[in-house]
Each structure stands twice: as C-alpha cells, then as structure tokens.
Amino acid sequence: MRNESGLVVDDETHRAIEALSTEYSWLVDHGHADRAADLFTSDAVMSVAGSEVSGIVAIRRHLEQRARSQDILSRHVVSNIRLTREAAGQVRGTIIMTIYRKTGEAERPQVIIGDVDDVYRLETDGRWRLAQRTLTPAFVVDGR
C-alpha cells in the first residue's frame, strides 16, 4: 500500500501488524493481559490517557495487574488501521480503538473511542512487536 509519503507497507507487513493489534486486544479482553507483554519490544513505551509505562518490565507488571482484575469485562475493537513505513524494520501506525468496559456490577459498559498511535519494530526473530503505543481518548461515554 502506498500512502502520501510514498513509503510502501507491503501486504504481508500490513497483515502481520493487524494481527499483532488484534492479538493484543484478544489477550487483554479474555483474561490473558499478562501474555500481551510478549508483544512489546524490550524498550517499549505504553501510554494510556497520559499515564506512561516504560520498558518491558514495567509493561509486564502493568499487564499482569490487568490480568488479575477479575471484575473488569472489556472488548477492544480495532479499526481504521493506517500504516506508514518509517525505515527498514520500522512502521508507524494509527488505529481507532473502541473499548467497551464494564467494571463490577455496572449495568452498562463505559464506551471509550480513542486514537492509538503505534510504532512497530521488526525484531531479529522475524516478528513485529510494539515499540510504542499511545492511546488518546477522543470520546468517553459513561455507562452509568
């Protein structure tokens, strides 16, 4: 695929990165957030609504805590994936993420629609991983 910068992201790379984002969402939504840390590079940075976690150790700890949160039910829906190759082995991406999140006994879920800015890096094992993930909420609808 060619974008306005003219840098091509081939179909195989696009599919691999789309699968990476889908896997992250599935793991978090189905009680395996602790395994989602394996999708990040060792020097990754993750920022959600201004709260930043740096390095794989801190990201793993953050995601392990999420996995232990049994009272949270969520579904992450990924759409509008747009990718730009920055350099060999590095791609920048933007996606729209819609998150349905219900905590405890709440009757209705909170809905968060946000912009996700990612940097993906091709690691030496041939797998794409997240080097940076920033979620900025655009809309939040309280479920109460």
Protein backbone atom coordinates (compact mmCIF):
# COMPACT_ATOMS: atom_id res chain seq x y z
CA MET A 1 0.00 0.00 0.00
CA ARG A 2 1.28 3.45 -0.88
CA ASN A 3 0.49 6.48 1.23
CA GLU A 4 1.15 10.19 0.74
CA SER A 5 4.75 9.84 1.94
CA GLY A 6 5.34 7.30 -0.83
CA LEU A 7 6.78 4.69 1.56
CA VAL A 8 5.29 1.29 0.88
CA VAL A 9 3.96 -1.03 3.57
CA ASP A 10 3.62 -4.38 1.81
CA ASP A 11 0.57 -6.59 2.30
CA GLU A 12 2.45 -9.17 4.39
CA THR A 13 3.63 -6.50 6.83
CA HIS A 14 0.16 -4.96 6.97
CA ARG A 15 -1.40 -8.34 7.81
CA ALA A 16 1.25 -9.08 10.46
CA ILE A 17 0.75 -5.73 12.19
CA GLU A 18 -3.03 -6.02 12.01
CA ALA A 19 -2.74 -9.49 13.59
CA LEU A 20 -0.49 -8.04 16.31
CA SER A 21 -3.10 -5.41 17.25
CA THR A 22 -5.87 -8.00 17.18
CA GLU A 23 -3.88 -10.38 19.38
CA TYR A 24 -3.19 -7.64 21.93
CA SER A 25 -6.91 -6.86 22.15
CA TRP A 26 -7.93 -10.52 22.42
CA LEU A 27 -5.40 -11.25 25.17
CA VAL A 28 -6.49 -8.24 27.26
CA ASP A 29 -10.20 -8.97 26.73
CA HIS A 30 -10.01 -12.67 27.58
CA GLY A 31 -8.05 -12.62 30.84
CA HIS A 32 -4.57 -13.06 29.39
CA ALA A 33 -3.28 -9.49 29.53
CA ASP A 34 -0.09 -10.77 31.18
CA ARG A 35 0.79 -12.60 27.93
CA ALA A 36 0.30 -9.38 25.93
CA ALA A 37 3.65 -8.10 27.27
CA ASP A 38 5.32 -10.55 24.85
CA LEU A 39 4.03 -8.38 22.01
CA PHE A 40 6.26 -5.44 23.03
CA THR A 41 9.94 -4.71 22.43
CA SER A 42 12.26 -4.67 25.46
CA ASP A 43 12.48 -0.84 25.37
CA ALA A 44 8.80 -0.21 24.62
CA VAL A 45 6.74 2.67 25.97
CA MET A 46 2.99 2.40 26.56
CA SER A 47 0.85 5.44 27.32
CA VAL A 48 -2.85 5.36 28.07
CA ALA A 49 -4.69 8.65 28.59
CA GLY A 50 -1.47 10.36 29.70
CA SER A 51 -0.29 7.62 32.08
CA GLU A 52 3.02 6.24 30.80
CA VAL A 53 4.75 2.90 31.43
CA SER A 54 8.31 2.47 30.10
CA GLY A 55 10.31 -0.70 29.49
CA ILE A 56 9.20 -4.29 29.23
CA VAL A 57 9.48 -4.95 32.99
CA ALA A 58 7.07 -2.13 33.85
CA ILE A 59 4.75 -3.00 30.95
CA ARG A 60 4.67 -6.65 32.04
CA ARG A 61 3.87 -5.60 35.63
CA HIS A 62 1.08 -3.29 34.38
CA LEU A 63 -0.44 -6.00 32.18
CA GLU A 64 -0.15 -8.64 34.93
CA GLN A 65 -2.15 -6.32 37.18
CA ARG A 66 -4.79 -6.00 34.45
CA ALA A 67 -4.94 -9.80 34.12
CA ARG A 68 -5.64 -10.09 37.86
CA SER A 69 -8.54 -7.59 37.63
CA GLN A 70 -11.34 -10.14 37.51
CA ASP A 71 -14.06 -7.50 37.94
CA ILE A 72 -13.30 -5.82 34.59
CA LEU A 73 -15.01 -7.05 31.43
CA SER A 74 -13.82 -5.38 28.23
CA ARG A 75 -13.86 -5.70 24.48
CA HIS A 76 -11.40 -3.77 22.32
CA VAL A 77 -12.46 -3.21 18.70
CA VAL A 78 -9.67 -2.18 16.31
CA SER A 79 -10.46 -0.37 13.06
CA ASN A 80 -9.16 2.16 10.53
CA ILE A 81 -5.61 0.81 10.52
CA ARG A 82 -3.24 3.18 8.70
CA LEU A 83 0.43 2.32 8.34
CA THR A 84 3.49 4.26 7.15
CA ARG A 85 6.93 2.71 6.76
CA GLU A 86 9.45 4.95 8.50
CA ALA A 87 12.57 2.91 7.87
CA ALA A 88 13.62 -0.65 7.22
CA GLY A 89 12.13 -2.67 10.05
CA GLN A 90 10.05 0.17 11.49
CA VAL A 91 6.45 1.15 10.78
CA ARG A 92 4.30 3.87 12.33
CA GLY A 93 0.60 3.18 12.63
CA THR A 94 -2.61 4.84 13.66
CA ILE A 95 -5.77 2.98 14.53
CA ILE A 96 -9.13 3.76 16.01
CA MET A 97 -9.83 1.70 19.11
CA THR A 98 -13.30 1.38 20.55
CA ILE A 99 -13.31 -0.05 24.07
CA TYR A 100 -16.39 -1.34 25.82
CA ARG A 101 -15.55 -1.65 29.51
CA LYS A 102 -17.73 -2.78 32.38
CA THR A 103 -16.48 -2.88 35.97
CA GLY A 104 -18.10 -4.88 38.74
CA GLU A 105 -21.87 -4.72 38.92
CA ALA A 106 -22.34 -1.82 36.50
CA GLU A 107 -25.44 -2.26 34.35
CA ARG A 108 -23.99 -0.76 31.18
CA PRO A 109 -20.45 -0.53 29.84
CA GLN A 110 -18.40 2.60 29.57
CA VAL A 111 -17.52 3.26 25.91
CA ILE A 112 -14.18 4.80 25.01
CA ILE A 113 -13.31 5.70 21.42
CA GLY A 114 -9.70 6.64 21.05
CA ASP A 115 -6.85 7.27 18.68
CA VAL A 116 -3.96 4.85 19.01
CA ASP A 117 -0.56 5.89 17.72
CA ASP A 118 1.85 2.97 17.46
CA VAL A 119 5.42 2.34 16.42
CA TYR A 120 6.09 -1.25 15.33
CA ARG A 121 9.55 -2.74 15.06
CA LEU A 122 10.62 -5.90 13.26
CA GLU A 123 12.67 -7.91 15.77
CA THR A 124 15.56 -10.27 14.98
CA ASP A 125 13.22 -13.27 15.35
CA GLY A 126 11.23 -12.00 12.35
CA ARG A 127 8.20 -10.90 14.40
CA TRP A 128 6.72 -7.43 14.53
CA ARG A 129 6.34 -6.01 18.04
CA LEU A 130 5.07 -2.82 19.60
CA ALA A 131 7.85 -0.35 20.39
CA GLN A 132 5.42 2.40 21.34
CA ARG A 133 1.66 2.51 21.95
CA THR A 134 -0.19 5.69 22.85
CA LEU A 135 -3.97 5.66 23.39
CA THR A 136 -5.62 9.07 23.48
CA PRO A 137 -9.34 9.00 24.23
CA ALA A 138 -11.42 11.13 21.85
CA PHE A 139 -14.84 10.25 23.30
CA VAL A 140 -15.83 8.68 26.61
CA VAL A 141 -19.44 7.70 27.25
CA ASP A 142 -20.09 6.77 30.86
CA GLY A 143 -22.17 3.62 31.23
CA ARG A 144 -23.98 4.72 34.36
